[in-house]
Amino acid sequence: MAHILVAEDERDIRELVAFTLGFAGHKVSQASNGEEAVTMASQLKPDLILTDVRMPKMTGYDVCSAVKNNEVTKHIPVVILSAKGQDEEKELGKASGADDYILKPFAPDELQRRVADILQRFGAS
């Protein structure tokens, strides 16, 4: 299965996402802020990055831009996790290089299905 980096500052949400994806058989690494996520992405080179938008030190958009502008990590798909579903939020995500957008809240089975679809689309399953 895939190695997924989850960047989320709210511990309960981060651990729920990690548990859900781990239960589906994925290896999951966790970052509690954007800066940590960028550092971990370069070191771990995960198959997928899921990042919240509103985090300390760097936003999810900043994380996405940093990942996509780094030769070592630019191939890694980045998915924005956000409670904000407005079109302008989605456009900011796309402008930062995000490959997909998942709205919170989500059911665990929905998250597993969406992640599986994204991994298959990017050949990382």
Protein backbone atom coordinates (compact mmCIF):
# COMPACT_ATOMS: atom_id res chain seq x y z
CA MET A 1 0.00 0.00 0.00
CA ALA A 2 0.93 3.66 -0.16
CA HIS A 3 2.86 5.88 2.23
CA ILE A 4 0.71 8.92 3.06
CA LEU A 5 1.76 12.09 4.89
CA VAL A 6 -1.09 13.73 6.80
CA ALA A 7 -0.60 17.40 7.77
CA GLU A 8 -3.26 18.60 10.22
CA ASP A 9 -2.85 20.80 13.29
CA GLU A 10 -5.92 19.46 15.11
CA ARG A 11 -4.67 16.30 16.80
CA ASP A 12 -8.04 14.51 16.92
CA ILE A 13 -8.66 15.00 13.21
CA ARG A 14 -5.06 14.08 12.32
CA GLU A 15 -5.25 10.88 14.34
CA LEU A 16 -8.67 9.96 12.91
CA VAL A 17 -7.37 10.40 9.35
CA ALA A 18 -4.20 8.43 10.18
CA PHE A 19 -6.21 5.63 11.82
CA THR A 20 -8.66 5.47 8.90
CA LEU A 21 -5.90 5.27 6.30
CA GLY A 22 -3.81 2.89 8.42
CA PHE A 23 -6.84 0.61 8.77
CA ALA A 24 -7.03 0.57 4.95
CA GLY A 25 -3.46 -0.76 4.91
CA HIS A 26 -1.50 2.42 4.21
CA LYS A 27 1.63 3.55 6.03
CA VAL A 28 0.85 6.96 7.53
CA SER A 29 3.19 9.68 8.78
CA GLN A 30 1.84 12.71 10.63
CA ALA A 31 2.81 16.38 10.69
CA SER A 32 1.21 18.88 13.09
CA ASN A 33 1.97 22.02 11.09
CA GLY A 34 2.83 23.11 7.57
CA GLU A 35 6.53 23.64 8.12
CA GLU A 36 6.92 20.15 9.56
CA ALA A 37 4.98 18.72 6.59
CA VAL A 38 7.34 20.29 4.03
CA THR A 39 10.41 18.99 5.88
CA MET A 40 8.92 15.51 6.21
CA ALA A 41 7.87 15.45 2.54
CA SER A 42 11.48 16.00 1.45
CA GLN A 43 12.81 13.39 3.86
CA LEU A 44 10.15 10.68 3.49
CA LYS A 45 9.05 11.19 -0.14
CA PRO A 46 5.53 9.83 0.53
CA ASP A 47 3.21 8.64 -2.22
CA LEU A 48 0.56 11.20 -1.25
CA ILE A 49 0.23 14.27 0.97
CA LEU A 50 -3.06 15.24 2.61
CA THR A 51 -2.92 18.74 4.09
CA ASP A 52 -5.32 20.90 6.03
CA VAL A 53 -5.55 24.52 4.87
CA ARG A 54 -5.44 26.46 8.13
CA MET A 55 -2.34 25.42 10.09
CA PRO A 56 0.38 27.17 12.07
CA LYS A 57 3.71 28.17 10.47
CA MET A 58 2.53 27.48 6.89
CA THR A 59 -0.93 27.11 5.37
CA GLY A 60 -1.86 24.07 3.33
CA TYR A 61 -1.59 26.25 0.22
CA ASP A 62 1.98 27.18 1.22
CA VAL A 63 2.76 23.50 1.82
CA CYS A 64 1.43 22.60 -1.60
CA SER A 65 3.43 25.36 -3.32
CA ALA A 66 6.61 24.37 -1.48
CA VAL A 67 6.16 20.69 -2.37
CA LYS A 68 5.38 21.42 -6.02
CA ASN A 69 8.35 23.82 -6.36
CA ASN A 70 10.88 21.32 -4.98
CA GLU A 71 12.56 19.00 -7.53
CA VAL A 72 12.61 16.16 -4.98
CA THR A 73 8.89 16.31 -4.15
CA LYS A 74 7.13 17.94 -7.12
CA HIS A 75 5.81 14.59 -8.39
CA ILE A 76 3.96 13.84 -5.11
CA PRO A 77 0.20 14.41 -5.37
CA VAL A 78 -1.10 16.89 -2.79
CA VAL A 79 -4.71 16.90 -1.63
CA ILE A 80 -6.19 19.80 0.31
CA LEU A 81 -8.46 18.87 3.25
CA SER A 82 -10.74 21.74 4.17
CA ALA A 83 -14.07 22.61 5.72
CA LYS A 84 -14.26 25.52 3.27
CA GLY A 85 -15.95 24.44 0.06
CA GLN A 86 -16.35 27.79 -1.66
CA ASP A 87 -15.17 28.05 -5.24
CA GLU A 88 -12.53 30.65 -4.33
CA GLU A 89 -11.02 28.26 -1.77
CA LYS A 90 -10.85 25.52 -4.39
CA GLU A 91 -9.27 27.95 -6.86
CA LEU A 92 -6.61 28.88 -4.28
CA GLY A 93 -5.90 25.18 -3.89
CA LYS A 94 -5.54 24.66 -7.63
CA ALA A 95 -3.40 27.79 -7.95
CA SER A 96 -1.03 26.42 -5.30
CA GLY A 97 -0.69 23.18 -7.29
CA ALA A 98 -3.13 20.96 -5.38
CA ASP A 99 -4.11 17.82 -7.24
CA ASP A 100 -7.45 17.37 -5.49
CA TYR A 101 -9.67 18.75 -2.73
CA ILE A 102 -11.57 16.81 -0.05
CA LEU A 103 -14.18 18.59 2.03
CA LYS A 104 -14.46 18.07 5.79
CA PRO A 105 -16.31 16.53 7.43
CA PHE A 106 -16.05 13.22 5.63
CA ALA A 107 -17.01 9.68 6.53
CA PRO A 108 -14.08 7.27 7.02
CA ASP A 109 -15.21 5.05 4.14
CA GLU A 110 -15.52 8.11 1.88
CA LEU A 111 -11.96 9.16 2.78
CA GLN A 112 -10.64 5.66 2.05
CA ARG A 113 -12.43 5.59 -1.30
CA ARG A 114 -11.26 9.06 -2.35
CA VAL A 115 -7.65 8.32 -1.36
CA ALA A 116 -7.73 5.02 -3.26
CA ASP A 117 -9.08 6.83 -6.34
CA ILE A 118 -6.40 9.54 -6.11
CA LEU A 119 -3.60 7.01 -5.63
CA GLN A 120 -4.82 5.01 -8.63
CA ARG A 121 -5.08 8.16 -10.73
CA PHE A 122 -1.46 9.03 -9.94
CA GLY A 123 -0.17 5.48 -10.21
CA ALA A 124 0.85 5.39 -6.54
CA SER A 125 -1.45 2.64 -5.29
